[in-house]
N, C-alpha and C. Protein backbone atom coordinates (compact mmCIF):
# COMPACT_ATOMS: atom_id res chain seq x y z
N UNK A 1 1.20 -0.92 -0.13
CA UNK A 1 -0.23 0.01 -0.43
C UNK A 1 1.11 1.38 -0.15
N UNK A 2 0.10 2.03 -1.19
CA UNK A 2 1.73 3.26 -0.81
C UNK A 2 0.47 4.39 -0.20
N UNK A 3 0.35 5.12 0.00
CA UNK A 3 0.72 6.68 1.16
C UNK A 3 1.29 8.18 0.58
N UNK A 4 0.70 8.94 0.43
CA UNK A 4 0.81 10.46 0.16
C UNK A 4 1.29 11.21 1.93
N UNK A 5 2.61 11.60 2.17
CA UNK A 5 2.15 13.15 3.27
C UNK A 5 2.84 13.65 2.89
N UNK A 6 2.16 14.78 2.92
CA UNK A 6 2.82 16.16 2.17
C UNK A 6 3.01 17.02 4.03
N UNK A 7 4.08 17.62 4.02
CA UNK A 7 4.36 18.42 4.96
C UNK A 7 4.47 19.73 4.48
N UNK A 8 4.00 20.77 5.18
CA UNK A 8 3.59 22.09 4.69
C UNK A 8 4.49 23.12 6.32
N UNK A 9 4.87 23.90 6.24
CA UNK A 9 5.44 24.88 6.38
C UNK A 9 4.61 26.24 6.47
N UNK A 10 3.77 26.56 8.08
CA UNK A 10 3.14 28.27 7.60
C UNK A 10 3.80 29.17 6.66
N UNK A 11 2.68 29.49 6.16
CA UNK A 11 3.19 30.84 5.18
C UNK A 11 4.07 31.69 6.78
N UNK A 12 4.99 33.15 5.72
CA UNK A 12 5.13 34.45 6.81
C UNK A 12 4.47 35.25 7.32
N UNK A 13 4.63 34.58 8.56
CA UNK A 13 3.97 35.00 9.75
C UNK A 13 4.92 37.03 10.00
N UNK A 14 3.74 37.72 10.56
CA UNK A 14 4.02 38.85 10.76
C UNK A 14 4.71 39.12 13.09
N UNK A 15 5.06 40.15 12.69
CA UNK A 15 5.97 40.96 13.61
C UNK A 15 5.31 42.95 14.02
N UNK A 16 4.31 42.31 13.33
CA UNK A 16 3.84 43.87 13.86
C UNK A 16 3.31 44.22 15.50
N UNK A 17 2.60 42.55 15.60
CA UNK A 17 1.86 42.85 17.24
C UNK A 17 2.90 42.68 17.87
N UNK A 18 2.35 42.57 19.02
CA UNK A 18 2.95 42.08 20.06
C UNK A 18 2.08 40.83 20.85
N UNK A 19 1.55 40.58 20.03
CA UNK A 19 1.10 39.22 20.25
C UNK A 19 2.09 38.06 20.93
N UNK A 20 1.03 36.80 21.42
CA UNK A 20 2.44 36.18 22.10
C UNK A 20 2.62 35.36 20.54
N UNK A 21 3.73 34.67 20.73
CA UNK A 21 4.29 33.47 19.17
C UNK A 21 2.96 32.68 18.65
N UNK A 22 2.07 31.97 19.67
CA UNK A 22 1.22 31.46 19.14
C UNK A 22 -0.49 31.33 19.14
N UNK A 23 0.20 33.35 18.74
CA UNK A 23 -1.47 34.01 18.05
C UNK A 23 -0.84 35.04 17.32
N UNK A 24 0.57 34.50 16.09
CA UNK A 24 1.26 35.51 15.40
C UNK A 24 0.05 35.53 14.53
N UNK A 25 -0.35 36.41 13.93
CA UNK A 25 -1.17 35.66 12.56
C UNK A 25 0.30 35.84 11.65
N UNK A 26 -0.87 35.71 9.68
CA UNK A 26 -0.13 36.25 8.61
C UNK A 26 0.65 37.16 8.59
N UNK A 27 1.77 37.76 7.40
CA UNK A 27 2.03 39.30 7.25
C UNK A 27 1.30 38.95 5.77
N UNK A 28 1.39 40.32 5.27
CA UNK A 28 0.40 40.54 3.91
C UNK A 28 1.54 38.96 2.98
N UNK A 29 2.79 39.43 2.92
CA UNK A 29 3.63 38.61 1.74
C UNK A 29 2.94 37.13 2.32
N UNK A 30 3.11 36.60 3.19
CA UNK A 30 1.94 35.46 3.68
C UNK A 30 1.12 34.93 3.10
N UNK A 31 -0.45 36.16 3.47
CA UNK A 31 -1.10 35.56 2.79
C UNK A 31 -1.28 34.98 1.50
N UNK A 32 -0.65 36.22 0.26
CA UNK A 32 -0.18 35.79 -1.02
C UNK A 32 0.86 34.23 -0.66
N UNK A 33 1.81 34.05 -0.11
CA UNK A 33 1.98 32.32 -0.52
C UNK A 33 1.12 31.47 -0.22
N UNK A 34 0.45 31.83 0.79
CA UNK A 34 -0.25 30.68 1.39
C UNK A 34 -1.43 30.18 0.46
N UNK A 35 -1.77 31.49 -0.15
CA UNK A 35 -2.47 31.28 -1.11
C UNK A 35 -2.22 30.73 -3.33
N UNK A 36 -0.74 30.54 -2.88
CA UNK A 36 -0.24 30.65 -3.71
C UNK A 36 0.63 29.09 -3.24
N UNK A 37 -0.14 28.56 -2.37
CA UNK A 37 0.64 26.59 -1.84
C UNK A 37 -0.56 26.70 -2.23
N UNK A 38 -2.27 27.20 -1.66
CA UNK A 38 -3.08 26.45 -1.64
C UNK A 38 -3.91 25.75 -3.20
N UNK A 39 -3.38 26.62 -4.99
CA UNK A 39 -3.42 25.86 -5.71
C UNK A 39 -2.38 25.16 -6.13
N UNK A 40 -1.61 24.30 -5.40
CA UNK A 40 -0.46 23.77 -5.23
C UNK A 40 -0.90 22.29 -5.13
N UNK A 41 -2.03 22.60 -3.70
CA UNK A 41 -2.51 21.92 -3.28
C UNK A 41 -3.67 21.43 -3.64
N UNK A 42 -4.25 21.94 -4.70
CA UNK A 42 -5.33 21.88 -5.04
C UNK A 42 -5.41 20.14 -5.40
N UNK A 43 -4.20 20.45 -6.01
CA UNK A 43 -3.44 19.07 -7.36
C UNK A 43 -3.85 18.03 -6.44
N UNK A 44 -4.29 17.50 -5.01
CA UNK A 44 -3.88 16.74 -4.24
C UNK A 44 -5.90 16.19 -3.13
N UNK A 45 -6.11 15.49 -3.02
CA UNK A 45 -7.50 15.08 -3.27
C UNK A 45 -6.66 14.58 -1.50
N UNK A 46 -6.89 15.74 -0.72
CA UNK A 46 -5.50 15.47 1.29
C UNK A 46 -7.43 14.66 1.05
N UNK A 47 -7.19 13.94 2.11
CA UNK A 47 -7.71 13.03 3.43
C UNK A 47 -7.71 13.43 4.60
N UNK A 48 -6.78 14.04 5.59
CA UNK A 48 -6.98 14.76 6.51
C UNK A 48 -5.05 15.72 6.15
N UNK A 49 -5.84 16.80 7.32
CA UNK A 49 -4.38 17.79 8.01
C UNK A 49 -4.86 17.38 9.21
N UNK A 50 -3.36 17.12 9.71
CA UNK A 50 -3.36 17.66 10.78
C UNK A 50 -2.47 19.11 11.11
N UNK A 51 -2.94 19.97 11.62
CA UNK A 51 -1.91 21.04 11.53
C UNK A 51 -2.35 21.93 13.43
N UNK A 52 -0.65 22.54 13.61
CA UNK A 52 -1.20 23.00 14.21
C UNK A 52 -2.05 24.15 14.32
N UNK A 53 -2.04 23.91 15.97
CA UNK A 53 -2.93 25.56 16.30
C UNK A 53 -2.79 26.81 16.37
N UNK A 54 -1.85 26.67 15.95
CA UNK A 54 -1.66 28.33 16.03
C UNK A 54 -1.99 29.50 15.00
N UNK A 55 -2.25 30.91 15.60
CA UNK A 55 -3.04 31.58 14.36
C UNK A 55 -2.18 31.89 13.33
N UNK A 56 -0.81 31.12 12.80
CA UNK A 56 -0.65 31.26 11.68
C UNK A 56 -0.19 30.64 10.82
N UNK A 57 -1.28 28.69 11.55
CA UNK A 57 -0.80 27.40 10.93
C UNK A 57 -2.74 27.73 10.57
N UNK A 58 -3.71 27.69 11.13
CA UNK A 58 -5.02 28.65 10.64
C UNK A 58 -5.04 29.22 9.22
N UNK A 59 -4.70 30.29 9.50
CA UNK A 59 -4.37 31.65 8.39
C UNK A 59 -3.63 31.02 6.75
N UNK A 60 -3.28 29.49 7.37
CA UNK A 60 -2.04 29.29 6.37
C UNK A 60 -3.12 28.47 5.18
N UNK A 61 -3.87 27.57 6.57
CA UNK A 61 -4.66 26.92 5.50
C UNK A 61 -5.74 27.41 5.01
N UNK A 62 -6.68 28.68 5.48
CA UNK A 62 -7.67 28.96 5.55
C UNK A 62 -7.50 29.54 4.27
N UNK A 63 -6.87 30.33 3.78
CA UNK A 63 -6.10 31.52 3.11
C UNK A 63 -5.95 29.90 1.19
N UNK A 64 -5.22 29.13 2.11
CA UNK A 64 -4.65 27.80 0.85
C UNK A 64 -6.62 27.40 0.70
N UNK A 65 -7.10 27.15 1.61
CA UNK A 65 -7.52 26.57 1.28
C UNK A 65 -9.15 27.69 -0.14
N UNK A 66 -9.33 29.04 0.60
CA UNK A 66 -9.59 29.90 -0.78
C UNK A 66 -9.37 29.46 -1.63
N UNK A 67 -7.85 29.11 -1.80
CA UNK A 67 -6.69 29.35 -3.49
C UNK A 67 -7.24 27.71 -3.79
N UNK A 68 -8.22 27.26 -3.04
CA UNK A 68 -8.32 25.72 -4.11
C UNK A 68 -7.57 24.04 -3.06
N UNK A 69 -6.96 23.95 -2.30
CA UNK A 69 -6.73 23.37 -1.65
C UNK A 69 -8.13 23.23 -0.63
N UNK A 70 -8.40 21.67 -0.53
CA UNK A 70 -9.38 21.32 0.34
C UNK A 70 -9.29 20.09 1.28
N UNK A 71 -9.53 18.93 1.99
CA UNK A 71 -9.08 18.24 2.24
C UNK A 71 -10.81 17.76 3.71
N UNK A 72 -10.53 16.31 3.75
CA UNK A 72 -11.91 15.53 3.91
C UNK A 72 -12.04 15.93 5.36
N UNK A 73 -10.76 16.52 6.35
CA UNK A 73 -11.47 16.22 7.21
C UNK A 73 -10.13 17.74 7.71
N UNK A 74 -10.25 18.33 9.00
CA UNK A 74 -9.16 18.88 8.98
C UNK A 74 -8.65 19.05 10.78
N UNK A 75 -8.04 18.84 11.33
CA UNK A 75 -7.82 18.30 12.57
C UNK A 75 -6.44 20.24 13.29
N UNK A 76 -6.88 21.38 14.44
CA UNK A 76 -6.50 21.57 15.07
C UNK A 76 -5.92 21.36 15.68
N UNK A 77 -5.03 21.33 16.40
CA UNK A 77 -3.72 20.42 17.99
C UNK A 77 -3.24 21.02 18.51
N UNK A 78 -2.97 21.29 19.21
CA UNK A 78 -2.03 21.99 20.37
C UNK A 78 -0.69 20.80 20.60
N UNK A 79 -0.84 18.97 20.24
CA UNK A 79 0.50 18.47 20.27
C UNK A 79 1.47 19.10 19.05
N UNK A 80 0.83 19.58 17.67
CA UNK A 80 2.01 19.88 17.13
C UNK A 80 2.56 21.80 17.03
N UNK A 81 2.46 21.97 17.98
CA UNK A 81 3.13 23.12 18.02
C UNK A 81 4.16 22.98 19.62
N UNK A 82 5.49 23.18 18.18
CA UNK A 82 6.66 22.67 19.35
C UNK A 82 7.23 21.33 19.40
N UNK A 83 6.12 20.67 18.54
CA UNK A 83 6.66 18.70 18.31
C UNK A 83 7.40 18.86 18.25
N UNK A 84 8.15 17.51 18.47
CA UNK A 84 9.16 16.77 18.10
C UNK A 84 9.93 16.15 16.91
N UNK A 85 9.55 15.71 15.25
CA UNK A 85 8.77 14.74 14.58
C UNK A 85 9.17 13.64 15.01
N UNK A 86 9.32 12.61 15.72
CA UNK A 86 9.16 11.37 16.50
C UNK A 86 7.40 11.30 16.97
N UNK A 87 6.89 12.48 17.49
CA UNK A 87 5.50 12.81 18.20
C UNK A 87 4.45 12.64 16.65
N UNK A 88 5.43 13.53 15.38
CA UNK A 88 4.77 14.00 14.48
C UNK A 88 4.08 12.60 13.81
N UNK A 89 5.13 11.56 13.96
CA UNK A 89 4.92 10.40 13.59
C UNK A 89 4.20 9.17 14.31
N UNK A 90 4.22 10.03 15.25
CA UNK A 90 3.53 9.05 16.31
C UNK A 90 1.99 9.44 15.61
N UNK A 91 1.40 11.12 15.43
CA UNK A 91 0.19 10.87 14.91
C UNK A 91 -0.14 10.43 13.80
N UNK A 92 0.24 10.15 12.85
CA UNK A 92 0.87 10.32 11.37
C UNK A 92 -0.24 8.76 12.22
N UNK A 93 0.85 7.58 12.49
CA UNK A 93 0.64 5.98 12.68
C UNK A 93 -0.42 6.23 13.01
N UNK A 94 -1.79 6.59 14.01
CA UNK A 94 -2.83 7.25 14.03
C UNK A 94 -3.71 6.91 13.31
N UNK A 95 -3.56 7.00 11.97
CA UNK A 95 -4.19 8.09 10.73
C UNK A 95 -4.47 6.50 10.15
N UNK A 96 -6.15 6.30 10.41
CA UNK A 96 -7.40 4.82 9.59
C UNK A 96 -6.22 5.02 8.00
N UNK A 97 -5.96 4.14 7.37
CA UNK A 97 -5.15 3.36 6.47
C UNK A 97 -7.13 4.18 4.85
N UNK A 98 -7.50 4.58 5.77
CA UNK A 98 -8.22 5.11 3.95
C UNK A 98 -7.40 5.78 3.71
N UNK A 99 -7.11 6.46 4.54
CA UNK A 99 -6.65 8.13 4.52
C UNK A 99 -5.48 7.62 2.94
N UNK A 100 -5.15 7.98 1.58
CA UNK A 100 -5.07 8.20 0.59
C UNK A 100 -2.88 9.23 1.13
N UNK A 101 -4.18 10.70 1.16
CA UNK A 101 -3.50 11.45 1.46
C UNK A 101 -3.28 12.27 2.30
N UNK A 102 -2.31 12.10 3.34
CA UNK A 102 -2.25 13.20 4.54
C UNK A 102 -1.37 14.40 4.61
N UNK A 103 -1.92 15.68 5.01
CA UNK A 103 -0.57 17.31 4.92
C UNK A 103 -0.58 17.13 6.50
N UNK A 104 0.61 17.66 7.34
CA UNK A 104 1.30 18.01 8.18
C UNK A 104 1.75 19.86 7.79
N UNK A 105 0.74 21.03 8.55
CA UNK A 105 1.30 21.01 8.65
C UNK A 105 1.40 22.58 9.82
N UNK A 106 2.87 23.07 9.81
CA UNK A 106 3.37 23.35 11.44
C UNK A 106 5.08 24.23 10.85
N UNK A 107 6.30 23.85 11.87
CA UNK A 107 6.18 24.99 12.34
C UNK A 107 8.37 24.14 12.22
N UNK A 108 9.17 25.77 11.86
CA UNK A 108 10.45 24.63 12.34
C UNK A 108 10.87 24.43 13.21
N UNK A 109 12.19 23.66 13.19
CA UNK A 109 12.41 22.97 12.96
C UNK A 109 11.99 21.77 12.71
N UNK A 110 10.68 21.43 13.16
CA UNK A 110 9.53 19.88 13.17
C UNK A 110 9.50 19.94 11.74
N UNK A 111 9.14 20.43 10.73
CA UNK A 111 8.67 20.32 9.63
C UNK A 111 10.19 20.03 8.77
N UNK A 112 10.85 20.85 8.85
CA UNK A 112 12.02 19.76 8.13
C UNK A 112 12.88 18.29 8.95
N UNK A 113 12.69 18.43 9.71
CA UNK A 113 13.27 17.03 11.10
C UNK A 113 12.78 16.22 10.37
N UNK A 114 11.65 16.02 10.67
CA UNK A 114 10.41 15.46 9.66
C UNK A 114 10.70 14.23 8.78
N UNK A 115 10.78 15.69 7.90
CA UNK A 115 11.33 14.99 6.26
C UNK A 115 12.87 14.66 6.54
N UNK A 116 14.02 14.75 6.84
CA UNK A 116 14.69 14.57 7.31
C UNK A 116 14.73 12.58 7.34
N UNK A 117 13.85 12.76 9.08
CA UNK A 117 13.68 11.05 9.61
C UNK A 117 12.82 10.20 8.62
N UNK A 118 11.80 10.56 7.55
CA UNK A 118 10.92 9.53 7.08
C UNK A 118 11.75 10.20 5.32
N UNK A 119 12.49 10.40 5.22
CA UNK A 119 12.36 10.53 3.75
C UNK A 119 13.96 9.48 3.17
N UNK A 120 14.27 8.49 2.92
CA UNK A 120 15.40 7.99 2.59
C UNK A 120 16.02 9.06 1.34
N UNK A 121 18.29 9.17 1.52
CA UNK A 121 18.70 10.52 1.22
C UNK A 121 18.25 10.49 -0.81
N UNK A 122 18.18 11.21 -0.81
CA UNK A 122 17.82 11.80 -2.22
C UNK A 122 18.62 13.35 -2.40
N UNK A 123 19.00 13.99 -3.60
CA UNK A 123 19.20 15.02 -3.87
C UNK A 123 17.43 16.29 -3.04
N UNK A 124 16.59 15.66 -3.59
CA UNK A 124 15.24 16.30 -2.48
C UNK A 124 15.17 16.67 -1.52
N UNK A 125 15.30 15.78 -0.92
CA UNK A 125 15.22 14.83 0.58
C UNK A 125 16.60 15.87 1.16
N UNK A 126 17.52 16.03 0.88
CA UNK A 126 18.62 16.69 1.82
C UNK A 126 18.55 18.45 0.72
N UNK A 127 17.93 18.81 -0.24
CA UNK A 127 17.49 20.28 0.13
C UNK A 127 16.88 20.52 0.76
N UNK A 128 14.53 19.72 0.91
CA UNK A 128 13.90 20.09 2.34
C UNK A 128 14.25 20.14 3.11
N UNK A 129 15.50 19.29 4.28
CA UNK A 129 15.59 19.24 4.71
C UNK A 129 16.83 20.44 5.52
N UNK A 130 17.31 20.95 4.25
CA UNK A 130 18.81 22.02 4.99
C UNK A 130 18.18 23.14 4.80
N UNK A 131 16.74 23.47 4.52
CA UNK A 131 16.15 24.46 4.08
C UNK A 131 14.47 24.73 3.45
N UNK A 132 13.94 24.79 4.15
CA UNK A 132 12.84 24.63 4.85
C UNK A 132 11.79 25.89 5.31
N UNK A 133 11.84 27.09 3.49
CA UNK A 133 11.41 28.64 3.89
C UNK A 133 10.00 28.58 4.43
N UNK A 134 9.43 29.78 4.92
CA UNK A 134 8.01 29.76 5.12
C UNK A 134 7.34 29.52 3.53
N UNK A 135 5.79 28.86 4.28
CA UNK A 135 5.38 28.12 2.77
C UNK A 135 5.58 27.08 2.03
N UNK A 136 6.55 26.88 2.68
CA UNK A 136 7.52 25.22 1.64
C UNK A 136 7.20 24.58 2.07
N UNK A 137 7.07 22.91 1.46
CA UNK A 137 5.35 21.85 0.47
C UNK A 137 6.93 21.03 0.82
N UNK A 138 6.03 19.60 0.82
CA UNK A 138 7.19 18.89 0.23
C UNK A 138 6.08 17.60 0.36
N UNK A 139 5.89 16.84 -0.97
CA UNK A 139 4.73 15.91 -0.65
C UNK A 139 6.46 14.00 -0.81
N UNK A 140 6.03 13.68 0.47
CA UNK A 140 6.29 12.24 0.00
C UNK A 140 5.73 10.84 -0.15
N UNK A 141 6.24 10.35 -0.86
CA UNK A 141 5.19 8.91 -1.34
C UNK A 141 5.72 8.21 -0.38
N UNK A 142 5.40 6.90 0.29
CA UNK A 142 4.89 6.35 1.62
C UNK A 142 4.97 5.21 1.43
N UNK A 143 5.69 4.24 1.70
CA UNK A 143 5.30 2.00 1.72
C UNK A 143 5.04 2.26 2.65
N UNK A 144 3.86 1.00 2.76
CA UNK A 144 3.55 1.03 3.53
C UNK A 144 2.23 1.55 3.88
N UNK A 145 1.93 0.69 6.01
CA UNK A 145 0.84 0.77 6.13
C UNK A 145 1.27 2.66 6.74
N UNK A 146 0.60 3.28 6.86
CA UNK A 146 0.24 4.84 8.15
C UNK A 146 0.91 4.05 9.52
N UNK A 147 1.00 2.99 10.47
CA UNK A 147 0.58 2.20 11.39
C UNK A 147 2.45 1.59 10.99
N UNK A 148 2.68 1.75 10.07
CA UNK A 148 4.02 1.37 9.85
C UNK A 148 5.88 2.60 9.77
N UNK A 149 5.05 3.01 9.69
CA UNK A 149 4.97 4.82 9.73
C UNK A 149 6.79 4.65 10.27
N UNK A 150 8.17 5.27 9.45
CA UNK A 150 9.25 5.26 10.61
C UNK A 150 10.30 5.83 9.19
N UNK A 151 11.69 5.22 10.07
CA UNK A 151 12.54 6.49 9.23
C UNK A 151 13.10 6.23 7.60
N UNK A 152 13.21 6.02 7.29
CA UNK A 152 13.39 6.01 5.83
C UNK A 152 13.15 5.53 5.17
N UNK A 153 11.50 5.29 5.47
CA UNK A 153 9.86 4.86 4.55
C UNK A 153 9.43 5.66 3.55
N UNK A 154 9.72 7.03 3.57
CA UNK A 154 9.27 7.79 1.89
C UNK A 154 9.91 8.10 1.25
N UNK A 155 9.87 8.80 0.05
CA UNK A 155 10.38 9.33 -1.29
C UNK A 155 10.02 10.92 -1.35
N UNK A 156 10.78 11.97 -1.09
CA UNK A 156 9.89 13.13 -1.18
C UNK A 156 10.71 12.86 -2.83
N UNK A 157 8.74 13.35 -3.67
CA UNK A 157 7.95 13.00 -4.47
C UNK A 157 8.23 14.89 -5.40
N UNK A 158 8.40 15.77 -4.45
CA UNK A 158 7.73 16.98 -4.61
C UNK A 158 8.41 18.17 -3.56
N UNK A 159 9.20 18.51 -3.92
CA UNK A 159 9.07 20.47 -2.83
C UNK A 159 9.45 21.14 -3.84
N UNK A 160 7.90 22.04 -3.10
CA UNK A 160 7.94 23.60 -3.29
C UNK A 160 8.59 24.77 -3.21
N UNK A 161 8.44 25.58 -3.35
CA UNK A 161 8.61 26.98 -2.12
C UNK A 161 7.46 28.29 -2.76
N UNK A 162 6.24 27.81 -2.23
CA UNK A 162 5.70 29.02 -3.32
C UNK A 162 5.12 29.99 -2.83
N UNK A 163 5.45 30.65 -3.78
CA UNK A 163 5.55 32.48 -3.42
C UNK A 163 4.60 33.36 -4.19
N UNK A 164 3.89 34.54 -3.84
CA UNK A 164 2.74 34.89 -4.53
C UNK A 164 2.49 36.12 -5.67
C-alpha cells in the first residue's frame, strides 16, 4: 500500500504585533504565499490535515483553502505546536489506512526534521531538510501502512516554495 504525505510549513507571519508567538497572524506576504500554496495543494485530494493550532497555521490553511486546497478533515491540535518529529510520526501512525493523502502543517525546525527522518536520502530530501522556508511544502510517497511509518520509509517526490 502506498500513501502520500504533504509536509508544509506555515506562511510568513507578521512581527508587527505584540501577540504571543502562538497568536501571531500572517503577514501580507504570507497571505499571498499561502494562496500560491493552495493552488498547488488543489492538485491533491487530501484526506486529513493535521495542523498546529497556532494562528499562523490556521490562517495558512484557511487562505490555501480559499485558493483551492481541500481536505476531508482538518484537525488543529496543540500537539503540533513545538512538537518533535517523532511526536508527529506518532500522530501519523494513528491515521486510518483509508487516508490516501495526509498533510502536516506546522513549524520549523519540526517540518524539516520530519522530512529528514522519514525520507530516504536524495537530492530533494537533502534540499528540503537543509532549507525549509515559510510556505515550503514537500510531498513524500510513503510505502507501507501509516501504522508502520518510520525512518527512511518515504521518498520526496516534490519540493516547492510557493510565492504569491
